[in-house]
Amino acid sequence: MEYSIRELARMAGVSPRTLRYYDEINLLKPLYVNDAGYRYYGERELVLLQQILFYRERDFGLKSIQKILYQDSFDVVKALEEHLLELESRKERMELLIHTVKQTIRSMKGECEMSDTEKFEAFKERIVRENEEKYGAEVRGRFGDGQMDASNRKMLGMTEEEYESFQKLGEEINARLKECVQAGAGPESGEAREIVLLHKQWLCQTWKQYSAQAHISLAASYTEDARFRQYYDKETPGCAGLLKQAVAFWADKA
């Protein structure tokens, strides 16, 4: 079955302007354009649009989505299974957050007691669970169960101040990586060295013991493993590669 651009836009809940833009950037080309210049879409285009919307829901950038959809190894069923796992994980996180909110309300009404640590437990547990789901197998394979388990324990044992510091540091690393990539700074630059020092500080907040070699090995996985690469390259492609190269150059010098 074929759909005009307006029919597809109405069905998918997007605007015709969005579909025209996707065509312009070669993210979603129509099946054909008739003599009057109207775009028409077929079954394949519907499948691709659904994937685009799923990835957008997961906060992927359009450039990253384009790379994923048009690589030779792309598998629609596998992608749907990944979407399902992500959405189920989000559901669990939301249920945990809802529980925390309810308990906080009850404690403020005097109906139960809730420690300061418990107020932030849901946020820390979310990070631990996400790390296990996305990177656990890779990290355990490279460094062993002991390193991963110790890291999880340190995360869950963080105070409110330590947790806030950990979050802000991660955000600063990502922001500075984007700035370096956009400015064309190389891995041997002073800016890259500062990022490596921040990344080392960030790792030491959860690692049992730091070593430059372990740092280099972990950073190497940022380009080898698609999940790591997507995390760092989600908004600005090239961040994972820059971090890997900068750590390889600076880890045992900084």
C-alpha atoms as a PDB file:
ATOM      1  CA  MET A   1       0.000   0.000   0.000  1.00  0.00           C
ATOM      2  CA  GLU A   2       1.201   3.515  -0.760  1.00  0.00           C
ATOM      3  CA  TYR A   3       0.612   6.724   1.169  1.00  0.00           C
ATOM      4  CA  SER A   4       0.899  10.382   0.229  1.00  0.00           C
ATOM      5  CA  ILE A   5       3.089  12.550   2.413  1.00  0.00           C
ATOM      6  CA  ARG A   6       0.037  13.971   4.206  1.00  0.00           C
ATOM      7  CA  GLU A   7      -1.460  10.521   4.801  1.00  0.00           C
ATOM      8  CA  LEU A   8       1.802   9.217   6.228  1.00  0.00           C
ATOM      9  CA  ALA A   9       2.301  12.324   8.350  1.00  0.00           C
ATOM     10  CA  ARG A  10      -1.195  11.993   9.819  1.00  0.00           C
ATOM     11  CA  MET A  11      -0.751   8.280  10.512  1.00  0.00           C
ATOM     12  CA  ALA A  12       2.690   8.660  12.131  1.00  0.00           C
ATOM     13  CA  GLY A  13       1.880  11.796  14.103  1.00  0.00           C
ATOM     14  CA  VAL A  14       4.542  13.937  12.472  1.00  0.00           C
ATOM     15  CA  SER A  15       4.264  16.946  10.202  1.00  0.00           C
ATOM     16  CA  PRO A  16       4.668  16.876   6.404  1.00  0.00           C
ATOM     17  CA  ARG A  17       7.443  19.416   6.922  1.00  0.00           C
ATOM     18  CA  THR A  18       9.330  16.875   9.039  1.00  0.00           C
ATOM     19  CA  LEU A  19       9.038  14.245   6.314  1.00  0.00           C
ATOM     20  CA  ARG A  20      10.244  16.727   3.705  1.00  0.00           C
ATOM     21  CA  TYR A  21      13.228  17.525   5.927  1.00  0.00           C
ATOM     22  CA  TYR A  22      14.012  13.824   6.348  1.00  0.00           C
ATOM     23  CA  ASP A  23      13.991  13.573   2.556  1.00  0.00           C
ATOM     24  CA  GLU A  24      16.334  16.556   2.202  1.00  0.00           C
ATOM     25  CA  ILE A  25      18.940  15.074   4.578  1.00  0.00           C
ATOM     26  CA  ASN A  26      18.599  11.582   3.022  1.00  0.00           C
ATOM     27  CA  LEU A  27      17.246  10.074   6.216  1.00  0.00           C
ATOM     28  CA  LEU A  28      13.947   8.944   4.683  1.00  0.00           C
ATOM     29  CA  LYS A  29      13.497   9.159   0.926  1.00  0.00           C
ATOM     30  CA  PRO A  30      10.009   8.623  -0.541  1.00  0.00           C
ATOM     31  CA  LEU A  31       9.288   5.591  -2.679  1.00  0.00           C
ATOM     32  CA  TYR A  32       8.803   7.971  -5.596  1.00  0.00           C
ATOM     33  CA  VAL A  33       7.825  11.528  -6.482  1.00  0.00           C
ATOM     34  CA  ASN A  34       5.103  11.916  -9.115  1.00  0.00           C
ATOM     35  CA  ASP A  35       5.107  14.374 -12.000  1.00  0.00           C
ATOM     36  CA  ALA A  36       3.333  16.959  -9.870  1.00  0.00           C
ATOM     37  CA  GLY A  37       6.102  16.788  -7.263  1.00  0.00           C
ATOM     38  CA  TYR A  38       4.117  14.898  -4.612  1.00  0.00           C
ATOM     39  CA  ARG A  39       5.965  12.374  -2.462  1.00  0.00           C
ATOM     40  CA  TYR A  40       4.603   8.837  -1.963  1.00  0.00           C
ATOM     41  CA  TYR A  41       5.758   6.235   0.539  1.00  0.00           C
ATOM     42  CA  GLY A  42       5.573   2.444   0.535  1.00  0.00           C
ATOM     43  CA  GLU A  43       5.944  -0.377   3.066  1.00  0.00           C
ATOM     44  CA  ARG A  44       9.732  -0.095   3.359  1.00  0.00           C
ATOM     45  CA  GLU A  45       9.497   3.621   4.079  1.00  0.00           C
ATOM     46  CA  LEU A  46       6.894   2.970   6.790  1.00  0.00           C
ATOM     47  CA  VAL A  47       9.247   0.494   8.473  1.00  0.00           C
ATOM     48  CA  LEU A  48      12.123   2.978   8.338  1.00  0.00           C
ATOM     49  CA  LEU A  49       9.977   5.813   9.673  1.00  0.00           C
ATOM     50  CA  GLN A  50       8.876   3.682  12.602  1.00  0.00           C
ATOM     51  CA  GLN A  51      12.535   2.957  13.376  1.00  0.00           C
ATOM     52  CA  ILE A  52      13.402   6.656  13.143  1.00  0.00           C
ATOM     53  CA  LEU A  53      10.665   7.523  15.619  1.00  0.00           C
ATOM     54  CA  PHE A  54      11.745   4.770  18.011  1.00  0.00           C
ATOM     55  CA  TYR A  55      15.334   5.997  17.945  1.00  0.00           C
ATOM     56  CA  ARG A  56      14.202   9.594  18.375  1.00  0.00           C
ATOM     57  CA  GLU A  57      12.185   8.485  21.413  1.00  0.00           C
ATOM     58  CA  ARG A  58      15.457   7.084  22.754  1.00  0.00           C
ATOM     59  CA  ASP A  59      17.129  10.486  22.208  1.00  0.00           C
ATOM     60  CA  PHE A  60      19.352   9.465  19.300  1.00  0.00           C
ATOM     61  CA  GLY A  61      20.475  12.276  16.994  1.00  0.00           C
ATOM     62  CA  LEU A  62      19.420  12.214  13.325  1.00  0.00           C
ATOM     63  CA  LYS A  63      22.979  11.649  12.085  1.00  0.00           C
ATOM     64  CA  SER A  64      23.399   8.663  14.398  1.00  0.00           C
ATOM     65  CA  ILE A  65      20.037   7.241  13.278  1.00  0.00           C
ATOM     66  CA  GLN A  66      21.043   7.578   9.647  1.00  0.00           C
ATOM     67  CA  LYS A  67      24.282   5.649  10.263  1.00  0.00           C
ATOM     68  CA  ILE A  68      22.402   2.874  12.052  1.00  0.00           C
ATOM     69  CA  LEU A  69      19.586   2.472   9.526  1.00  0.00           C
ATOM     70  CA  TYR A  70      21.719   2.388   6.419  1.00  0.00           C
ATOM     71  CA  GLN A  71      24.558   0.154   7.505  1.00  0.00           C
ATOM     72  CA  ASP A  72      24.662  -3.218   5.744  1.00  0.00           C
ATOM     73  CA  SER A  73      24.291  -5.144   9.008  1.00  0.00           C
ATOM     74  CA  PHE A  74      21.098  -3.366  10.110  1.00  0.00           C
ATOM     75  CA  ASP A  75      18.450  -5.861  11.247  1.00  0.00           C
ATOM     76  CA  VAL A  76      14.916  -4.555  11.844  1.00  0.00           C
ATOM     77  CA  VAL A  77      13.901  -7.383  14.192  1.00  0.00           C
ATOM     78  CA  LYS A  78      17.067  -6.982  16.265  1.00  0.00           C
ATOM     79  CA  ALA A  79      16.463  -3.235  16.421  1.00  0.00           C
ATOM     80  CA  LEU A  80      12.892  -3.786  17.634  1.00  0.00           C
ATOM     81  CA  GLU A  81      14.151  -6.160  20.318  1.00  0.00           C
ATOM     82  CA  GLU A  82      16.607  -3.471  21.474  1.00  0.00           C
ATOM     83  CA  HIS A  83      13.805  -0.890  21.546  1.00  0.00           C
ATOM     84  CA  LEU A  84      11.701  -3.261  23.641  1.00  0.00           C
ATOM     85  CA  LEU A  85      14.504  -3.806  26.169  1.00  0.00           C
ATOM     86  CA  GLU A  86      15.080  -0.063  26.428  1.00  0.00           C
ATOM     87  CA  LEU A  87      11.389   0.706  26.895  1.00  0.00           C
ATOM     88  CA  GLU A  88      10.972  -2.042  29.506  1.00  0.00           C
ATOM     89  CA  SER A  89      14.010  -0.672  31.314  1.00  0.00           C
ATOM     90  CA  ARG A  90      12.469   2.802  31.254  1.00  0.00           C
ATOM     91  CA  LYS A  91       9.258   1.372  32.659  1.00  0.00           C
ATOM     92  CA  GLU A  92      11.156  -0.193  35.566  1.00  0.00           C
ATOM     93  CA  ARG A  93      12.981   3.061  36.221  1.00  0.00           C
ATOM     94  CA  MET A  94       9.728   5.001  36.231  1.00  0.00           C
ATOM     95  CA  GLU A  95       8.124   2.525  38.647  1.00  0.00           C
ATOM     96  CA  LEU A  96      11.104   2.875  40.993  1.00  0.00           C
ATOM     97  CA  LEU A  97      10.962   6.668  40.784  1.00  0.00           C
ATOM     98  CA  ILE A  98       7.205   6.631  41.419  1.00  0.00           C
ATOM     99  CA  HIS A  99       7.798   4.491  44.511  1.00  0.00           C
ATOM    100  CA  THR A 100      10.452   6.942  45.738  1.00  0.00           C
ATOM    101  CA  VAL A 101       8.144   9.924  45.212  1.00  0.00           C
ATOM    102  CA  LYS A 102       5.311   8.196  47.063  1.00  0.00           C
ATOM    103  CA  GLN A 103       7.583   7.276  49.961  1.00  0.00           C
ATOM    104  CA  THR A 104       8.949  10.825  50.127  1.00  0.00           C
ATOM    105  CA  ILE A 105       5.414  12.233  50.268  1.00  0.00           C
ATOM    106  CA  ARG A 106       4.488   9.777  53.032  1.00  0.00           C
ATOM    107  CA  SER A 107       7.615  10.689  55.014  1.00  0.00           C
ATOM    108  CA  MET A 108       6.885  14.420  54.695  1.00  0.00           C
ATOM    109  CA  LYS A 109       3.355  13.770  55.997  1.00  0.00           C
ATOM    110  CA  GLY A 110       4.807  11.878  58.941  1.00  0.00           C
ATOM    111  CA  GLU A 111       3.356   8.538  57.837  1.00  0.00           C
ATOM    112  CA  CYS A 112       6.764   6.805  57.601  1.00  0.00           C
ATOM    113  CA  GLU A 113      10.471   7.456  58.088  1.00  0.00           C
ATOM    114  CA  MET A 114      12.822   7.849  55.133  1.00  0.00           C
ATOM    115  CA  SER A 115      16.554   8.449  55.400  1.00  0.00           C
ATOM    116  CA  ASP A 116      18.372  10.928  53.170  1.00  0.00           C
ATOM    117  CA  THR A 117      20.166   8.004  51.514  1.00  0.00           C
ATOM    118  CA  GLU A 118      16.865   6.326  50.621  1.00  0.00           C
ATOM    119  CA  LYS A 119      15.687   9.504  48.890  1.00  0.00           C
ATOM    120  CA  PHE A 120      18.430   9.082  46.300  1.00  0.00           C
ATOM    121  CA  GLU A 121      18.494   5.280  46.172  1.00  0.00           C
ATOM    122  CA  ALA A 122      16.295   5.108  43.058  1.00  0.00           C
ATOM    123  CA  PHE A 123      18.613   7.356  41.079  1.00  0.00           C
ATOM    124  CA  LYS A 124      21.719   5.380  41.995  1.00  0.00           C
ATOM    125  CA  GLU A 125      20.040   2.034  41.380  1.00  0.00           C
ATOM    126  CA  ARG A 126      18.971   3.281  37.951  1.00  0.00           C
ATOM    127  CA  ILE A 127      22.567   4.067  37.002  1.00  0.00           C
ATOM    128  CA  VAL A 128      23.825   0.704  38.261  1.00  0.00           C
ATOM    129  CA  ARG A 129      21.111  -1.169  36.376  1.00  0.00           C
ATOM    130  CA  GLU A 130      21.671   0.791  33.169  1.00  0.00           C
ATOM    131  CA  ASN A 131      25.420   0.208  33.347  1.00  0.00           C
ATOM    132  CA  GLU A 132      24.890  -3.515  33.858  1.00  0.00           C
ATOM    133  CA  GLU A 133      22.427  -3.770  30.974  1.00  0.00           C
ATOM    134  CA  LYS A 134      24.468  -1.756  28.521  1.00  0.00           C
ATOM    135  CA  TYR A 135      28.092  -2.324  29.505  1.00  0.00           C
ATOM    136  CA  GLY A 136      28.198  -5.061  32.144  1.00  0.00           C
ATOM    137  CA  ALA A 137      29.214  -7.908  29.839  1.00  0.00           C
ATOM    138  CA  GLU A 138      31.945  -5.829  28.215  1.00  0.00           C
ATOM    139  CA  VAL A 139      33.390  -4.539  31.499  1.00  0.00           C
ATOM    140  CA  ARG A 140      33.213  -7.925  33.230  1.00  0.00           C
ATOM    141  CA  GLY A 141      34.885  -9.537  30.226  1.00  0.00           C
ATOM    142  CA  ARG A 142      37.744  -7.024  30.259  1.00  0.00           C
ATOM    143  CA  PHE A 143      38.275  -6.506  33.989  1.00  0.00           C
ATOM    144  CA  GLY A 144      36.485  -9.351  35.765  1.00  0.00           C
ATOM    145  CA  ASP A 145      33.441  -9.580  38.028  1.00  0.00           C
ATOM    146  CA  GLY A 146      35.292  -8.166  41.016  1.00  0.00           C
ATOM    147  CA  GLN A 147      35.910  -4.788  39.383  1.00  0.00           C
ATOM    148  CA  MET A 148      32.306  -4.436  38.218  1.00  0.00           C
ATOM    149  CA  ASP A 149      30.819  -5.569  41.536  1.00  0.00           C
ATOM    150  CA  ALA A 150      33.077  -3.222  43.491  1.00  0.00           C
ATOM    151  CA  SER A 151      32.102  -0.345  41.189  1.00  0.00           C
ATOM    152  CA  ASN A 152      28.407  -1.075  41.740  1.00  0.00           C
ATOM    153  CA  ARG A 153      28.890  -1.147  45.507  1.00  0.00           C
ATOM    154  CA  LYS A 154      30.692   2.204  45.473  1.00  0.00           C
ATOM    155  CA  MET A 155      27.902   3.713  43.397  1.00  0.00           C
ATOM    156  CA  LEU A 156      25.153   2.469  45.718  1.00  0.00           C
ATOM    157  CA  GLY A 157      27.125   3.675  48.741  1.00  0.00           C
ATOM    158  CA  MET A 158      27.518   7.253  47.494  1.00  0.00           C
ATOM    159  CA  THR A 159      26.289  10.091  49.639  1.00  0.00           C
ATOM    160  CA  GLU A 160      24.010  12.746  48.167  1.00  0.00           C
ATOM    161  CA  GLU A 161      26.994  15.068  47.633  1.00  0.00           C
ATOM    162  CA  GLU A 162      29.130  12.349  46.026  1.00  0.00           C
ATOM    163  CA  TYR A 163      26.307  11.325  43.724  1.00  0.00           C
ATOM    164  CA  GLU A 164      25.704  14.920  42.609  1.00  0.00           C
ATOM    165  CA  SER A 165      29.433  15.374  41.977  1.00  0.00           C
ATOM    166  CA  PHE A 166      29.556  12.170  39.936  1.00  0.00           C
ATOM    167  CA  GLN A 167      26.639  13.295  37.771  1.00  0.00           C
ATOM    168  CA  LYS A 168      28.004  16.781  37.165  1.00  0.00           C
ATOM    169  CA  LEU A 169      31.446  15.449  36.295  1.00  0.00           C
ATOM    170  CA  GLY A 170      30.001  13.087  33.691  1.00  0.00           C
ATOM    171  CA  GLU A 171      28.035  15.938  32.146  1.00  0.00           C
ATOM    172  CA  GLU A 172      31.117  18.161  32.063  1.00  0.00           C
ATOM    173  CA  ILE A 173      33.160  15.457  30.307  1.00  0.00           C
ATOM    174  CA  ASN A 174      30.519  15.037  27.609  1.00  0.00           C
ATOM    175  CA  ALA A 175      30.168  18.792  27.104  1.00  0.00           C
ATOM    176  CA  ARG A 176      33.925  19.314  26.793  1.00  0.00           C
ATOM    177  CA  LEU A 177      34.268  16.388  24.405  1.00  0.00           C
ATOM    178  CA  LYS A 178      31.672  17.974  22.111  1.00  0.00           C
ATOM    179  CA  GLU A 179      33.484  21.307  22.264  1.00  0.00           C
ATOM    180  CA  CYS A 180      36.811  19.672  21.375  1.00  0.00           C
ATOM    181  CA  VAL A 181      35.359  17.744  18.434  1.00  0.00           C
ATOM    182  CA  GLN A 182      33.554  20.800  17.110  1.00  0.00           C
ATOM    183  CA  ALA A 183      36.718  22.904  17.489  1.00  0.00           C
ATOM    184  CA  GLY A 184      38.851  20.253  15.773  1.00  0.00           C
ATOM    185  CA  ALA A 185      41.142  19.774  18.795  1.00  0.00           C
ATOM    186  CA  GLY A 186      43.340  16.679  18.570  1.00  0.00           C
ATOM    187  CA  PRO A 187      43.925  13.942  21.171  1.00  0.00           C
ATOM    188  CA  GLU A 188      47.361  15.362  22.058  1.00  0.00           C
ATOM    189  CA  SER A 189      46.019  18.859  22.761  1.00  0.00           C
ATOM    190  CA  GLY A 190      45.884  20.509  26.161  1.00  0.00           C
ATOM    191  CA  GLU A 191      42.082  20.442  26.023  1.00  0.00           C
ATOM    192  CA  ALA A 192      42.134  16.677  25.492  1.00  0.00           C
ATOM    193  CA  ARG A 193      44.550  16.245  28.414  1.00  0.00           C
ATOM    194  CA  GLU A 194      42.133  18.076  30.711  1.00  0.00           C
ATOM    195  CA  ILE A 195      39.303  15.793  29.580  1.00  0.00           C
ATOM    196  CA  VAL A 196      41.419  12.717  30.350  1.00  0.00           C
ATOM    197  CA  LEU A 197      42.112  14.052  33.853  1.00  0.00           C
ATOM    198  CA  LEU A 198      38.396  14.660  34.386  1.00  0.00           C
ATOM    199  CA  HIS A 199      37.595  11.188  33.055  1.00  0.00           C
ATOM    200  CA  LYS A 200      40.167   9.675  35.439  1.00  0.00           C
ATOM    201  CA  GLN A 201      38.585  11.577  38.334  1.00  0.00           C
ATOM    202  CA  TRP A 202      35.138  10.354  37.235  1.00  0.00           C
ATOM    203  CA  LEU A 203      36.291   6.722  37.072  1.00  0.00           C
ATOM    204  CA  CYS A 204      37.967   6.907  40.475  1.00  0.00           C
ATOM    205  CA  GLN A 205      34.626   7.752  42.048  1.00  0.00           C
ATOM    206  CA  THR A 206      33.444   4.204  41.289  1.00  0.00           C
ATOM    207  CA  TRP A 207      36.593   2.165  40.590  1.00  0.00           C
ATOM    208  CA  LYS A 208      38.141   0.160  43.406  1.00  0.00           C
ATOM    209  CA  GLN A 209      41.639   0.935  42.134  1.00  0.00           C
ATOM    210  CA  TYR A 210      42.852   3.050  39.200  1.00  0.00           C
ATOM    211  CA  SER A 211      45.479   2.032  36.671  1.00  0.00           C
ATOM    212  CA  ALA A 212      46.426   3.796  33.449  1.00  0.00           C
ATOM    213  CA  GLN A 213      46.349   0.513  31.524  1.00  0.00           C
ATOM    214  CA  ALA A 214      42.809  -0.255  32.668  1.00  0.00           C
ATOM    215  CA  HIS A 215      41.818   3.292  31.723  1.00  0.00           C
ATOM    216  CA  ILE A 216      43.278   2.840  28.222  1.00  0.00           C
ATOM    217  CA  SER A 217      41.603  -0.565  27.834  1.00  0.00           C
ATOM    218  CA  LEU A 218      38.201   0.797  28.855  1.00  0.00           C
ATOM    219  CA  ALA A 219      38.513   3.814  26.551  1.00  0.00           C
ATOM    220  CA  ALA A 220      39.382   1.486  23.650  1.00  0.00           C
ATOM    221  CA  SER A 221      35.979  -0.135  24.061  1.00  0.00           C
ATOM    222  CA  TYR A 222      34.299   3.236  23.484  1.00  0.00           C
ATOM    223  CA  THR A 223      34.745   2.781  19.740  1.00  0.00           C
ATOM    224  CA  GLU A 224      34.786  -1.024  19.601  1.00  0.00           C
ATOM    225  CA  ASP A 225      31.418  -1.476  21.344  1.00  0.00           C
ATOM    226  CA  ALA A 226      28.428   0.144  19.617  1.00  0.00           C
ATOM    227  CA  ARG A 227      26.667   0.868  22.918  1.00  0.00           C
ATOM    228  CA  PHE A 228      29.589   2.901  24.281  1.00  0.00           C
ATOM    229  CA  ARG A 229      30.050   4.646  20.942  1.00  0.00           C
ATOM    230  CA  GLN A 230      26.362   5.605  20.746  1.00  0.00           C
ATOM    231  CA  TYR A 231      26.484   7.028  24.277  1.00  0.00           C
ATOM    232  CA  TYR A 232      29.340   9.411  23.502  1.00  0.00           C
ATOM    233  CA  ASP A 233      28.474  10.086  19.833  1.00  0.00           C
ATOM    234  CA  LYS A 234      24.722  10.499  20.339  1.00  0.00           C
ATOM    235  CA  GLU A 235      24.772  14.242  19.689  1.00  0.00           C
ATOM    236  CA  THR A 236      28.227  14.833  18.194  1.00  0.00           C
ATOM    237  CA  PRO A 237      29.882  11.997  16.226  1.00  0.00           C
ATOM    238  CA  GLY A 238      33.593  11.651  16.935  1.00  0.00           C
ATOM    239  CA  CYS A 239      33.481  12.112  20.714  1.00  0.00           C
ATOM    240  CA  ALA A 240      34.097   8.415  21.470  1.00  0.00           C
ATOM    241  CA  GLY A 241      37.049   8.301  19.089  1.00  0.00           C
ATOM    242  CA  LEU A 242      38.596  11.450  20.534  1.00  0.00           C
ATOM    243  CA  LEU A 243      38.244  10.166  24.103  1.00  0.00           C
ATOM    244  CA  LYS A 244      39.806   6.820  23.164  1.00  0.00           C
ATOM    245  CA  GLN A 245      42.799   8.464  21.476  1.00  0.00           C
ATOM    246  CA  ALA A 246      43.262  11.079  24.189  1.00  0.00           C
ATOM    247  CA  VAL A 247      43.240   8.476  26.960  1.00  0.00           C
ATOM    248  CA  ALA A 248      45.726   6.320  25.017  1.00  0.00           C
ATOM    249  CA  PHE A 249      48.062   9.318  24.753  1.00  0.00           C
ATOM    250  CA  TRP A 250      47.629  10.941  28.174  1.00  0.00           C
ATOM    251  CA  ALA A 251      46.593   8.241  30.685  1.00  0.00           C
ATOM    252  CA  ASP A 252      50.143   7.296  31.737  1.00  0.00           C
ATOM    253  CA  LYS A 253      51.444  10.879  31.431  1.00  0.00           C
ATOM    254  CA  ALA A 254      48.808  12.905  33.273  1.00  0.00           C
END
